[in-house]
């Protein structure tokens, strides 16, 4: 089940005993901290839950799926997210 932002805010409000406005503020603050840390430090993690890291990607040649024609994909950056042990255990 995928949750959208409204669903997440509702769950945080009910589990935390907060108003929906306070829960939305908390979620927005978390997202801001997450994005700032990844942009500044190249990584962010919550022990046991996940670790997000920025990794460099190499330039490569790919294929256009419609035409089969080769195209060049420039080097860039991608975010990799690795699950922590608590998360791994929860989904077993």
N, C-alpha and C. Protein backbone atom coordinates (compact mmCIF):
# COMPACT_ATOMS: atom_id res chain seq x y z
N UNK A 1 0.85 -1.17 0.00
CA UNK A 1 0.00 0.00 0.00
C UNK A 1 0.90 1.24 0.00
N UNK A 2 0.79 2.04 -1.02
CA UNK A 2 1.54 3.29 -1.10
C UNK A 2 0.76 4.39 -0.38
N UNK A 3 1.47 5.18 0.38
CA UNK A 3 0.83 6.28 1.10
C UNK A 3 1.22 7.61 0.45
N UNK A 4 0.26 8.50 0.35
CA UNK A 4 0.60 9.84 -0.11
C UNK A 4 0.82 10.72 1.12
N UNK A 5 1.17 11.99 0.90
CA UNK A 5 1.51 12.87 2.01
C UNK A 5 0.35 13.05 2.98
N UNK A 6 -0.86 13.16 2.47
CA UNK A 6 -2.03 13.33 3.34
C UNK A 6 -2.21 12.12 4.25
N UNK A 7 -2.02 10.92 3.71
CA UNK A 7 -2.13 9.70 4.50
C UNK A 7 -1.06 9.65 5.59
N UNK A 8 0.17 10.02 5.23
CA UNK A 8 1.27 10.00 6.20
C UNK A 8 1.00 11.00 7.32
N UNK A 9 0.56 12.20 6.96
CA UNK A 9 0.24 13.21 7.97
C UNK A 9 -0.84 12.70 8.92
N UNK A 10 -1.86 12.06 8.38
CA UNK A 10 -2.93 11.50 9.21
C UNK A 10 -2.43 10.45 10.17
N UNK A 11 -1.55 9.57 9.70
CA UNK A 11 -1.00 8.51 10.57
C UNK A 11 -0.09 9.10 11.65
N UNK A 12 0.74 10.08 11.27
CA UNK A 12 1.61 10.72 12.27
C UNK A 12 0.75 11.42 13.33
N UNK A 13 -0.30 12.11 12.90
CA UNK A 13 -1.19 12.81 13.83
C UNK A 13 -1.84 11.84 14.81
N UNK A 14 -2.34 10.72 14.31
CA UNK A 14 -3.03 9.79 15.20
C UNK A 14 -2.06 9.05 16.12
N UNK A 15 -0.90 8.64 15.62
CA UNK A 15 0.06 7.91 16.46
C UNK A 15 0.77 8.83 17.44
N UNK A 16 0.96 10.09 17.06
CA UNK A 16 1.70 11.01 17.92
C UNK A 16 0.83 11.89 18.78
N UNK A 17 -0.49 11.76 18.64
CA UNK A 17 -1.39 12.60 19.42
C UNK A 17 -1.26 14.07 19.04
N UNK A 18 -1.03 14.34 17.77
CA UNK A 18 -0.84 15.70 17.28
C UNK A 18 -2.02 16.11 16.42
N UNK A 19 -2.15 17.40 16.21
CA UNK A 19 -3.12 17.87 15.23
C UNK A 19 -2.53 17.59 13.85
N UNK A 20 -3.38 17.57 12.85
CA UNK A 20 -2.88 17.34 11.50
C UNK A 20 -1.95 18.46 11.06
N UNK A 21 -2.21 19.69 11.49
CA UNK A 21 -1.33 20.81 11.14
C UNK A 21 0.06 20.62 11.75
N UNK A 22 0.11 20.18 13.02
CA UNK A 22 1.40 19.94 13.67
C UNK A 22 2.12 18.76 13.03
N UNK A 23 1.38 17.72 12.68
CA UNK A 23 1.97 16.56 12.03
C UNK A 23 2.54 16.94 10.66
N UNK A 24 1.83 17.80 9.93
CA UNK A 24 2.32 18.23 8.63
C UNK A 24 3.59 19.07 8.79
N UNK A 25 3.62 19.92 9.81
CA UNK A 25 4.83 20.71 10.10
C UNK A 25 6.01 19.78 10.40
N UNK A 26 5.77 18.75 11.20
CA UNK A 26 6.83 17.81 11.55
C UNK A 26 7.32 17.06 10.31
N UNK A 27 6.41 16.61 9.47
CA UNK A 27 6.80 15.91 8.25
C UNK A 27 7.59 16.82 7.32
N UNK A 28 7.12 18.05 7.15
CA UNK A 28 7.83 19.01 6.30
C UNK A 28 9.23 19.31 6.84
N UNK A 29 9.36 19.42 8.15
CA UNK A 29 10.67 19.66 8.76
C UNK A 29 11.60 18.47 8.52
N UNK A 30 11.07 17.25 8.66
CA UNK A 30 11.89 16.06 8.41
C UNK A 30 12.36 16.04 6.96
N UNK A 31 11.47 16.30 6.03
CA UNK A 31 11.83 16.30 4.61
C UNK A 31 12.90 17.36 4.34
N UNK A 32 12.77 18.54 4.93
CA UNK A 32 13.76 19.60 4.76
C UNK A 32 15.13 19.16 5.28
N UNK A 33 15.15 18.58 6.48
CA UNK A 33 16.41 18.12 7.08
C UNK A 33 17.04 17.04 6.20
N UNK A 34 16.23 16.11 5.72
CA UNK A 34 16.70 15.03 4.85
C UNK A 34 17.33 15.59 3.58
N UNK A 35 16.61 16.47 2.89
CA UNK A 35 17.10 17.03 1.63
C UNK A 35 18.36 17.87 1.82
N UNK A 36 18.38 18.69 2.88
CA UNK A 36 19.56 19.51 3.15
C UNK A 36 20.79 18.65 3.44
N UNK A 37 20.62 17.60 4.23
CA UNK A 37 21.74 16.74 4.58
C UNK A 37 22.28 16.00 3.35
N UNK A 38 21.39 15.49 2.52
CA UNK A 38 21.84 14.77 1.33
C UNK A 38 22.54 15.73 0.37
N UNK A 39 22.00 16.94 0.20
CA UNK A 39 22.61 17.91 -0.70
C UNK A 39 23.96 18.40 -0.16
N UNK A 40 24.06 18.62 1.15
CA UNK A 40 25.27 19.17 1.75
C UNK A 40 26.34 18.10 1.98
N UNK A 41 25.95 16.99 2.63
CA UNK A 41 26.91 15.99 3.07
C UNK A 41 26.99 14.77 2.15
N UNK A 42 26.01 14.61 1.28
CA UNK A 42 26.01 13.46 0.39
C UNK A 42 25.44 12.21 1.03
N UNK A 43 24.95 12.32 2.26
CA UNK A 43 24.32 11.15 2.89
C UNK A 43 23.43 11.56 4.05
N UNK A 44 22.52 10.67 4.39
CA UNK A 44 21.61 10.86 5.51
C UNK A 44 21.13 9.48 5.91
N UNK A 45 21.01 9.24 7.19
CA UNK A 45 20.52 7.94 7.62
C UNK A 45 19.85 7.99 8.97
N UNK A 46 19.02 7.01 9.20
CA UNK A 46 18.43 6.77 10.51
C UNK A 46 18.85 5.35 10.87
N UNK A 47 19.66 5.23 11.91
CA UNK A 47 20.23 3.94 12.28
C UNK A 47 19.15 2.87 12.38
N UNK A 48 19.38 1.77 11.69
CA UNK A 48 18.46 0.65 11.70
C UNK A 48 17.36 0.73 10.66
N UNK A 49 17.07 1.93 10.16
CA UNK A 49 15.97 2.09 9.20
C UNK A 49 16.50 2.16 7.77
N UNK A 50 17.30 3.19 7.48
CA UNK A 50 17.85 3.31 6.14
C UNK A 50 19.04 4.27 6.13
N UNK A 51 19.79 4.21 5.03
CA UNK A 51 20.87 5.16 4.78
C UNK A 51 20.77 5.55 3.32
N UNK A 52 20.72 6.85 3.06
CA UNK A 52 20.69 7.36 1.69
C UNK A 52 22.03 8.01 1.40
N UNK A 53 22.62 7.67 0.26
CA UNK A 53 23.91 8.23 -0.14
C UNK A 53 23.86 8.66 -1.59
N UNK A 54 24.57 9.76 -1.88
CA UNK A 54 24.71 10.22 -3.26
C UNK A 54 25.90 9.49 -3.85
N UNK A 55 25.70 8.87 -4.99
CA UNK A 55 26.76 8.14 -5.69
C UNK A 55 26.94 8.74 -7.08
N UNK A 56 28.17 8.78 -7.54
CA UNK A 56 28.44 9.23 -8.91
C UNK A 56 28.12 8.09 -9.87
N UNK A 57 27.53 8.44 -11.00
CA UNK A 57 27.27 7.45 -12.04
C UNK A 57 28.18 7.76 -13.23
N UNK A 58 28.68 6.74 -13.85
CA UNK A 58 29.59 6.90 -14.98
C UNK A 58 28.80 7.17 -16.26
N UNK A 59 29.47 7.82 -17.20
CA UNK A 59 28.86 8.01 -18.52
C UNK A 59 28.74 6.63 -19.16
N UNK A 60 27.70 6.45 -19.95
CA UNK A 60 27.49 5.15 -20.58
C UNK A 60 26.71 5.30 -21.87
N UNK A 61 26.65 4.23 -22.59
CA UNK A 61 25.85 4.19 -23.81
C UNK A 61 24.64 3.32 -23.53
N UNK A 62 23.45 3.82 -23.87
CA UNK A 62 22.21 3.08 -23.68
C UNK A 62 21.51 2.96 -25.02
N UNK A 63 20.39 2.27 -25.02
CA UNK A 63 19.62 2.08 -26.25
C UNK A 63 18.27 2.75 -26.13
N UNK A 64 17.88 3.48 -27.18
CA UNK A 64 16.54 4.05 -27.23
C UNK A 64 15.57 2.89 -27.39
N UNK A 65 14.62 2.69 -26.47
CA UNK A 65 13.74 1.53 -26.54
C UNK A 65 12.81 1.52 -27.76
N UNK A 66 12.51 2.67 -28.30
CA UNK A 66 11.63 2.72 -29.48
C UNK A 66 12.35 2.39 -30.77
N UNK A 67 13.55 2.97 -30.91
CA UNK A 67 14.26 2.82 -32.18
C UNK A 67 15.41 1.83 -32.13
N UNK A 68 15.88 1.52 -30.94
CA UNK A 68 17.03 0.64 -30.80
C UNK A 68 18.34 1.38 -31.05
N UNK A 69 18.25 2.67 -31.32
CA UNK A 69 19.42 3.49 -31.61
C UNK A 69 20.22 3.75 -30.34
N UNK A 70 21.56 3.63 -30.40
CA UNK A 70 22.36 3.92 -29.21
C UNK A 70 22.37 5.42 -28.90
N UNK A 71 22.31 5.74 -27.60
CA UNK A 71 22.37 7.13 -27.16
C UNK A 71 23.38 7.24 -26.02
N UNK A 72 23.98 8.41 -25.89
CA UNK A 72 24.96 8.64 -24.82
C UNK A 72 24.24 9.19 -23.60
N UNK A 73 24.54 8.61 -22.46
CA UNK A 73 24.01 9.09 -21.18
C UNK A 73 25.20 9.68 -20.43
N UNK A 74 25.15 10.97 -20.10
CA UNK A 74 26.30 11.59 -19.43
C UNK A 74 26.45 11.12 -17.98
N UNK A 75 27.65 11.33 -17.45
CA UNK A 75 27.90 11.02 -16.05
C UNK A 75 27.01 11.93 -15.19
N UNK A 76 26.68 11.47 -14.01
CA UNK A 76 25.81 12.26 -13.14
C UNK A 76 25.86 11.75 -11.72
N UNK A 77 24.82 12.05 -10.99
CA UNK A 77 24.72 11.61 -9.59
C UNK A 77 23.36 10.94 -9.40
N UNK A 78 23.33 9.97 -8.50
CA UNK A 78 22.09 9.28 -8.17
C UNK A 78 22.07 9.03 -6.67
N UNK A 79 20.89 8.94 -6.10
CA UNK A 79 20.75 8.64 -4.68
C UNK A 79 20.46 7.15 -4.53
N UNK A 80 21.24 6.50 -3.72
CA UNK A 80 21.05 5.08 -3.42
C UNK A 80 20.56 4.98 -1.98
N UNK A 81 19.55 4.16 -1.76
CA UNK A 81 19.01 3.97 -0.41
C UNK A 81 19.20 2.52 -0.01
N UNK A 82 19.83 2.33 1.13
CA UNK A 82 20.11 0.99 1.64
C UNK A 82 19.29 0.77 2.91
N UNK A 83 18.58 -0.33 2.96
CA UNK A 83 17.74 -0.65 4.13
C UNK A 83 18.60 -1.05 5.32
N UNK A 84 18.17 -0.63 6.51
CA UNK A 84 18.84 -1.01 7.75
C UNK A 84 18.25 -2.30 8.30
N UNK A 85 18.86 -2.82 9.35
CA UNK A 85 18.43 -4.11 9.91
C UNK A 85 17.00 -4.09 10.45
N UNK A 86 16.59 -3.00 11.08
CA UNK A 86 15.23 -2.92 11.63
C UNK A 86 14.22 -3.01 10.49
N UNK A 87 14.48 -2.30 9.41
CA UNK A 87 13.59 -2.35 8.25
C UNK A 87 13.59 -3.73 7.61
N UNK A 88 14.76 -4.32 7.47
CA UNK A 88 14.86 -5.67 6.88
C UNK A 88 14.06 -6.68 7.70
N UNK A 89 14.18 -6.58 9.03
CA UNK A 89 13.45 -7.49 9.91
C UNK A 89 11.94 -7.28 9.80
N UNK A 90 11.51 -6.04 9.66
CA UNK A 90 10.08 -5.73 9.60
C UNK A 90 9.42 -6.30 8.36
N UNK A 91 10.14 -6.47 7.28
CA UNK A 91 9.54 -6.95 6.05
C UNK A 91 9.73 -8.44 5.82
N UNK A 92 10.38 -9.13 6.74
CA UNK A 92 10.56 -10.59 6.59
C UNK A 92 9.28 -11.32 6.86
